[in-house]
Amino acid sequence: MAFHCYCWHGDTATAQGPKRDSLCGDLSMATPPVLTRDWLKKPQSMLQRKASTPDEAVSWLEEVFDQHAPKMAHSQATGINRQDRFGSALADLQAGNDLSWGFPLAGSKYLALAVIVVG
């Protein structure tokens, strides 16, 4: 198995607004997809890392989450304790489940993270 790690940072209106389906449903656009598995069909430029183990993928998730946590509402960044958040992520990936997380950020921005299990 491999783990494809994706990240998108942009306007909340794109990720959650009324035009989301048309903006995100277009697989040629560098926007988060409507369906989780469609990350694999998005432009390759959105692929941040290919991890070979669930642990590597979770390490990537932690790095990206930590970079953006200061821009999250306090409840988003700390509402789930770190061990639970990333422990659950590891268990899901070890079970072969894809991950898709989304966080509103300050300034009407949005962060979408996904790890897609391949193989």
N, C-alpha and C. Protein backbone atom coordinates (compact mmCIF):
# COMPACT_ATOMS: atom_id res chain seq x y z
N MET A 1 0.84 -1.19 0.00
CA MET A 1 0.00 0.00 0.00
C MET A 1 0.88 1.25 0.00
N ALA A 2 0.34 2.28 -0.59
CA ALA A 2 0.95 3.61 -0.56
C ALA A 2 -0.11 4.58 -0.06
N PHE A 3 0.34 5.73 0.39
CA PHE A 3 -0.55 6.72 0.98
C PHE A 3 -0.27 8.05 0.32
N HIS A 4 -1.23 8.53 -0.48
CA HIS A 4 -1.07 9.79 -1.19
C HIS A 4 -1.63 10.92 -0.33
N CYS A 5 -0.78 11.90 -0.05
CA CYS A 5 -1.11 12.99 0.88
C CYS A 5 -1.38 14.27 0.09
N TYR A 6 -2.56 14.84 0.30
CA TYR A 6 -3.00 16.02 -0.42
C TYR A 6 -3.32 17.16 0.54
N CYS A 7 -3.06 18.37 0.06
CA CYS A 7 -3.37 19.56 0.84
C CYS A 7 -3.87 20.65 -0.10
N TRP A 8 -4.91 21.34 0.34
CA TRP A 8 -5.42 22.49 -0.39
C TRP A 8 -5.70 23.58 0.63
N HIS A 9 -5.30 24.79 0.30
CA HIS A 9 -5.53 25.96 1.14
C HIS A 9 -6.10 27.03 0.23
N GLY A 10 -7.29 27.53 0.56
CA GLY A 10 -7.91 28.53 -0.30
C GLY A 10 -9.10 29.18 0.39
N ASP A 11 -9.95 29.78 -0.42
CA ASP A 11 -11.11 30.50 0.10
C ASP A 11 -12.20 29.53 0.58
N THR A 12 -12.79 29.86 1.71
CA THR A 12 -13.88 29.04 2.25
C THR A 12 -15.02 28.93 1.25
N ALA A 13 -15.31 29.99 0.51
CA ALA A 13 -16.41 29.97 -0.46
C ALA A 13 -16.21 28.88 -1.51
N THR A 14 -14.97 28.59 -1.87
CA THR A 14 -14.70 27.54 -2.85
C THR A 14 -14.99 26.17 -2.24
N ALA A 15 -14.53 25.96 -1.02
CA ALA A 15 -14.65 24.65 -0.38
C ALA A 15 -16.04 24.36 0.18
N GLN A 16 -16.78 25.42 0.57
CA GLN A 16 -18.05 25.20 1.23
C GLN A 16 -19.20 26.03 0.68
N GLY A 17 -18.94 26.88 -0.27
CA GLY A 17 -19.97 27.79 -0.76
C GLY A 17 -20.96 27.15 -1.71
N PRO A 18 -21.92 27.94 -2.20
CA PRO A 18 -22.97 27.42 -3.07
C PRO A 18 -22.46 26.90 -4.42
N LYS A 19 -21.29 27.34 -4.84
CA LYS A 19 -20.74 26.87 -6.12
C LYS A 19 -19.75 25.72 -5.93
N ARG A 20 -19.71 25.16 -4.72
CA ARG A 20 -18.75 24.11 -4.41
C ARG A 20 -18.81 22.95 -5.40
N ASP A 21 -19.99 22.45 -5.69
CA ASP A 21 -20.09 21.29 -6.57
C ASP A 21 -19.52 21.55 -7.95
N SER A 22 -19.76 22.75 -8.48
CA SER A 22 -19.22 23.03 -9.81
C SER A 22 -17.72 23.31 -9.76
N LEU A 23 -17.27 24.02 -8.73
CA LEU A 23 -15.84 24.33 -8.62
C LEU A 23 -15.01 23.10 -8.25
N CYS A 24 -15.50 22.34 -7.31
CA CYS A 24 -14.75 21.19 -6.81
C CYS A 24 -15.03 19.92 -7.61
N GLY A 25 -16.16 19.89 -8.29
CA GLY A 25 -16.50 18.73 -9.10
C GLY A 25 -15.71 18.63 -10.39
N ASP A 26 -15.13 19.75 -10.80
CA ASP A 26 -14.29 19.76 -12.00
C ASP A 26 -12.93 19.17 -11.62
N LEU A 27 -12.66 17.97 -12.08
CA LEU A 27 -11.45 17.26 -11.67
C LEU A 27 -10.17 17.87 -12.22
N SER A 28 -10.29 18.77 -13.19
CA SER A 28 -9.09 19.41 -13.73
C SER A 28 -8.66 20.63 -12.91
N MET A 29 -9.53 21.06 -12.00
CA MET A 29 -9.21 22.25 -11.18
C MET A 29 -8.50 21.84 -9.89
N ALA A 30 -7.57 22.67 -9.47
CA ALA A 30 -6.82 22.44 -8.23
C ALA A 30 -7.64 22.93 -7.04
N THR A 31 -8.73 22.23 -6.78
CA THR A 31 -9.64 22.50 -5.67
C THR A 31 -9.93 21.17 -4.99
N PRO A 32 -10.36 21.17 -3.72
CA PRO A 32 -10.67 19.89 -3.10
C PRO A 32 -11.87 19.25 -3.80
N PRO A 33 -11.83 17.95 -4.02
CA PRO A 33 -12.92 17.30 -4.74
C PRO A 33 -14.17 17.13 -3.88
N VAL A 34 -15.27 16.85 -4.54
CA VAL A 34 -16.52 16.57 -3.85
C VAL A 34 -16.44 15.19 -3.20
N LEU A 35 -15.91 14.21 -3.90
CA LEU A 35 -15.78 12.85 -3.39
C LEU A 35 -14.33 12.59 -2.97
N THR A 36 -14.13 11.99 -1.83
CA THR A 36 -12.78 11.78 -1.28
C THR A 36 -11.86 11.07 -2.26
N ARG A 37 -12.30 9.99 -2.87
CA ARG A 37 -11.42 9.24 -3.79
C ARG A 37 -11.02 10.05 -5.02
N ASP A 38 -11.75 11.11 -5.31
CA ASP A 38 -11.42 11.93 -6.47
C ASP A 38 -10.16 12.77 -6.28
N TRP A 39 -9.60 12.80 -5.06
CA TRP A 39 -8.29 13.46 -4.91
C TRP A 39 -7.29 12.85 -5.90
N LEU A 40 -7.40 11.55 -6.14
CA LEU A 40 -6.48 10.87 -7.05
C LEU A 40 -6.61 11.36 -8.49
N LYS A 41 -7.74 11.95 -8.83
CA LYS A 41 -8.00 12.43 -10.19
C LYS A 41 -7.70 13.92 -10.36
N LYS A 42 -7.36 14.58 -9.28
CA LYS A 42 -7.05 16.02 -9.32
C LYS A 42 -5.65 16.22 -9.89
N PRO A 43 -5.29 17.47 -10.25
CA PRO A 43 -3.95 17.71 -10.80
C PRO A 43 -2.85 17.20 -9.86
N GLN A 44 -1.82 16.62 -10.45
CA GLN A 44 -0.70 16.07 -9.69
C GLN A 44 -0.02 17.11 -8.80
N SER A 45 -0.17 18.38 -9.16
CA SER A 45 0.44 19.44 -8.35
C SER A 45 -0.14 19.50 -6.94
N MET A 46 -1.30 18.90 -6.74
CA MET A 46 -1.93 18.90 -5.41
C MET A 46 -1.37 17.80 -4.51
N LEU A 47 -0.70 16.82 -5.09
CA LEU A 47 -0.10 15.74 -4.32
C LEU A 47 1.12 16.28 -3.60
N GLN A 48 1.08 16.26 -2.27
CA GLN A 48 2.16 16.82 -1.46
C GLN A 48 3.23 15.79 -1.12
N ARG A 49 2.79 14.55 -0.93
CA ARG A 49 3.75 13.51 -0.54
C ARG A 49 3.15 12.14 -0.84
N LYS A 50 4.03 11.19 -1.16
CA LYS A 50 3.66 9.78 -1.24
C LYS A 50 4.36 9.09 -0.09
N ALA A 51 3.59 8.62 0.84
CA ALA A 51 4.14 7.93 2.01
C ALA A 51 4.04 6.43 1.78
N SER A 52 5.00 5.70 2.32
CA SER A 52 4.97 4.24 2.14
C SER A 52 4.38 3.52 3.33
N THR A 53 4.17 4.24 4.44
CA THR A 53 3.56 3.61 5.62
C THR A 53 2.51 4.56 6.22
N PRO A 54 1.57 4.01 6.97
CA PRO A 54 0.62 4.88 7.67
C PRO A 54 1.31 5.86 8.62
N ASP A 55 2.38 5.42 9.27
CA ASP A 55 3.11 6.31 10.18
C ASP A 55 3.68 7.53 9.45
N GLU A 56 4.23 7.31 8.26
CA GLU A 56 4.77 8.43 7.47
C GLU A 56 3.64 9.39 7.08
N ALA A 57 2.50 8.84 6.70
CA ALA A 57 1.37 9.69 6.31
C ALA A 57 0.88 10.51 7.50
N VAL A 58 0.81 9.91 8.67
CA VAL A 58 0.37 10.64 9.86
C VAL A 58 1.40 11.71 10.24
N SER A 59 2.67 11.42 10.07
CA SER A 59 3.70 12.44 10.32
C SER A 59 3.48 13.65 9.42
N TRP A 60 3.15 13.39 8.16
CA TRP A 60 2.85 14.49 7.23
C TRP A 60 1.62 15.26 7.72
N LEU A 61 0.57 14.54 8.10
CA LEU A 61 -0.63 15.20 8.62
C LEU A 61 -0.30 16.11 9.80
N GLU A 62 0.51 15.62 10.71
CA GLU A 62 0.90 16.40 11.88
C GLU A 62 1.65 17.67 11.48
N GLU A 63 2.58 17.54 10.54
CA GLU A 63 3.34 18.70 10.08
C GLU A 63 2.43 19.78 9.51
N VAL A 64 1.55 19.38 8.61
CA VAL A 64 0.68 20.34 7.94
C VAL A 64 -0.33 20.93 8.93
N PHE A 65 -0.90 20.08 9.77
CA PHE A 65 -1.84 20.55 10.78
C PHE A 65 -1.16 21.58 11.68
N ASP A 66 0.03 21.28 12.15
CA ASP A 66 0.76 22.20 13.04
C ASP A 66 1.07 23.53 12.37
N GLN A 67 1.37 23.50 11.08
CA GLN A 67 1.64 24.74 10.34
C GLN A 67 0.43 25.66 10.32
N HIS A 68 -0.75 25.07 10.20
CA HIS A 68 -1.97 25.85 10.05
C HIS A 68 -2.76 26.04 11.34
N ALA A 69 -2.45 25.31 12.39
CA ALA A 69 -3.21 25.39 13.65
C ALA A 69 -3.31 26.81 14.20
N PRO A 70 -2.26 27.65 14.10
CA PRO A 70 -2.40 29.01 14.63
C PRO A 70 -3.48 29.84 13.92
N LYS A 71 -3.88 29.43 12.71
CA LYS A 71 -4.90 30.16 11.97
C LYS A 71 -6.30 29.57 12.16
N MET A 72 -6.39 28.47 12.94
CA MET A 72 -7.67 27.83 13.20
C MET A 72 -8.30 28.45 14.44
N ALA A 73 -9.61 28.35 14.50
CA ALA A 73 -10.29 28.70 15.75
C ALA A 73 -9.75 27.79 16.83
N HIS A 74 -9.66 28.31 18.04
CA HIS A 74 -9.10 27.53 19.14
C HIS A 74 -9.79 26.18 19.27
N SER A 75 -11.10 26.13 19.13
CA SER A 75 -11.84 24.88 19.27
C SER A 75 -11.47 23.87 18.18
N GLN A 76 -11.15 24.35 16.98
CA GLN A 76 -10.74 23.45 15.90
C GLN A 76 -9.36 22.88 16.17
N ALA A 77 -8.47 23.72 16.65
CA ALA A 77 -7.09 23.30 16.85
C ALA A 77 -6.93 22.42 18.09
N THR A 78 -7.74 22.65 19.11
CA THR A 78 -7.53 21.94 20.38
C THR A 78 -8.75 21.16 20.85
N GLY A 79 -9.85 21.20 20.13
CA GLY A 79 -11.09 20.54 20.55
C GLY A 79 -10.95 19.02 20.67
N ILE A 80 -10.06 18.46 19.91
CA ILE A 80 -9.74 17.03 19.99
C ILE A 80 -8.29 16.96 20.42
N ASN A 81 -8.01 16.20 21.47
CA ASN A 81 -6.60 16.17 21.89
C ASN A 81 -5.75 15.49 20.83
N ARG A 82 -4.51 15.85 20.82
CA ARG A 82 -3.58 15.44 19.78
C ARG A 82 -3.49 13.91 19.65
N GLN A 83 -3.41 13.24 20.78
CA GLN A 83 -3.29 11.78 20.75
C GLN A 83 -4.51 11.14 20.10
N ASP A 84 -5.70 11.63 20.41
CA ASP A 84 -6.92 11.09 19.80
C ASP A 84 -6.99 11.40 18.32
N ARG A 85 -6.69 12.66 17.96
CA ARG A 85 -6.77 13.08 16.56
C ARG A 85 -5.86 12.23 15.67
N PHE A 86 -4.59 12.16 16.03
CA PHE A 86 -3.64 11.48 15.16
C PHE A 86 -3.61 9.97 15.40
N GLY A 87 -4.01 9.53 16.59
CA GLY A 87 -4.16 8.10 16.84
C GLY A 87 -5.28 7.51 16.01
N SER A 88 -6.39 8.23 15.92
CA SER A 88 -7.51 7.79 15.08
C SER A 88 -7.12 7.79 13.61
N ALA A 89 -6.36 8.79 13.20
CA ALA A 89 -5.89 8.85 11.81
C ALA A 89 -5.03 7.63 11.50
N LEU A 90 -4.12 7.32 12.40
CA LEU A 90 -3.25 6.16 12.19
C LEU A 90 -4.06 4.87 12.11
N ALA A 91 -5.00 4.69 13.01
CA ALA A 91 -5.84 3.49 12.99
C ALA A 91 -6.64 3.38 11.70
N ASP A 92 -7.19 4.50 11.24
CA ASP A 92 -7.95 4.49 9.98
C ASP A 92 -7.05 4.09 8.81
N LEU A 93 -5.88 4.68 8.72
CA LEU A 93 -4.98 4.37 7.61
C LEU A 93 -4.49 2.93 7.68
N GLN A 94 -4.20 2.44 8.88
CA GLN A 94 -3.77 1.05 9.03
C GLN A 94 -4.87 0.09 8.59
N ALA A 95 -6.13 0.51 8.74
CA ALA A 95 -7.27 -0.32 8.32
C ALA A 95 -7.57 -0.17 6.83
N GLY A 96 -6.82 0.70 6.14
CA GLY A 96 -7.03 0.89 4.71
C GLY A 96 -8.08 1.92 4.37
N ASN A 97 -8.47 2.75 5.33
CA ASN A 97 -9.47 3.79 5.10
C ASN A 97 -8.83 5.10 4.70
N ASP A 98 -9.44 5.78 3.74
CA ASP A 98 -9.00 7.12 3.35
C ASP A 98 -9.36 8.12 4.43
N LEU A 99 -8.63 9.22 4.47
CA LEU A 99 -8.90 10.32 5.40
C LEU A 99 -9.20 11.58 4.63
N SER A 100 -10.13 12.36 5.13
CA SER A 100 -10.41 13.67 4.56
C SER A 100 -10.79 14.60 5.70
N TRP A 101 -9.97 15.62 5.93
CA TRP A 101 -10.20 16.59 7.00
C TRP A 101 -10.35 17.97 6.39
N GLY A 102 -11.18 18.80 7.02
CA GLY A 102 -11.34 20.19 6.59
C GLY A 102 -11.44 21.11 7.78
N PHE A 103 -10.79 22.27 7.68
CA PHE A 103 -10.75 23.22 8.78
C PHE A 103 -10.94 24.64 8.26
N PRO A 104 -11.92 25.38 8.78
CA PRO A 104 -11.99 26.80 8.48
C PRO A 104 -10.82 27.50 9.16
N LEU A 105 -10.27 28.47 8.45
CA LEU A 105 -9.14 29.25 8.97
C LEU A 105 -9.54 30.71 9.06
N ALA A 106 -8.73 31.48 9.75
CA ALA A 106 -8.96 32.92 9.85
C ALA A 106 -8.93 33.56 8.47
N GLY A 107 -9.64 34.66 8.33
CA GLY A 107 -9.63 35.40 7.07
C GLY A 107 -10.41 34.74 5.95
N SER A 108 -11.47 34.02 6.27
CA SER A 108 -12.30 33.34 5.27
C SER A 108 -11.51 32.36 4.41
N LYS A 109 -10.55 31.72 5.02
CA LYS A 109 -9.75 30.70 4.33
C LYS A 109 -10.14 29.32 4.84
N TYR A 110 -9.71 28.30 4.11
CA TYR A 110 -10.09 26.93 4.43
C TYR A 110 -8.89 26.02 4.13
N LEU A 111 -8.73 25.00 4.95
CA LEU A 111 -7.68 24.01 4.76
C LEU A 111 -8.32 22.64 4.57
N ALA A 112 -7.99 21.98 3.48
CA ALA A 112 -8.45 20.62 3.22
C ALA A 112 -7.23 19.70 3.18
N LEU A 113 -7.28 18.63 3.96
CA LEU A 113 -6.21 17.64 4.01
C LEU A 113 -6.81 16.28 3.69
N ALA A 114 -6.09 15.48 2.96
CA ALA A 114 -6.57 14.13 2.65
C ALA A 114 -5.39 13.19 2.52
N VAL A 115 -5.60 11.97 2.96
CA VAL A 115 -4.66 10.88 2.71
C VAL A 115 -5.48 9.77 2.07
N ILE A 116 -5.08 9.40 0.87
CA ILE A 116 -5.80 8.39 0.10
C ILE A 116 -4.94 7.12 0.04
N VAL A 117 -5.53 6.01 0.41
CA VAL A 117 -4.84 4.73 0.42
C VAL A 117 -4.89 4.17 -1.01
N VAL A 118 -3.72 3.80 -1.52
CA VAL A 118 -3.61 3.30 -2.89
C VAL A 118 -2.97 1.91 -2.85
N GLY A 119 -3.58 0.99 -3.56
CA GLY A 119 -2.98 -0.33 -3.70
C GLY A 119 -3.54 -1.38 -2.82
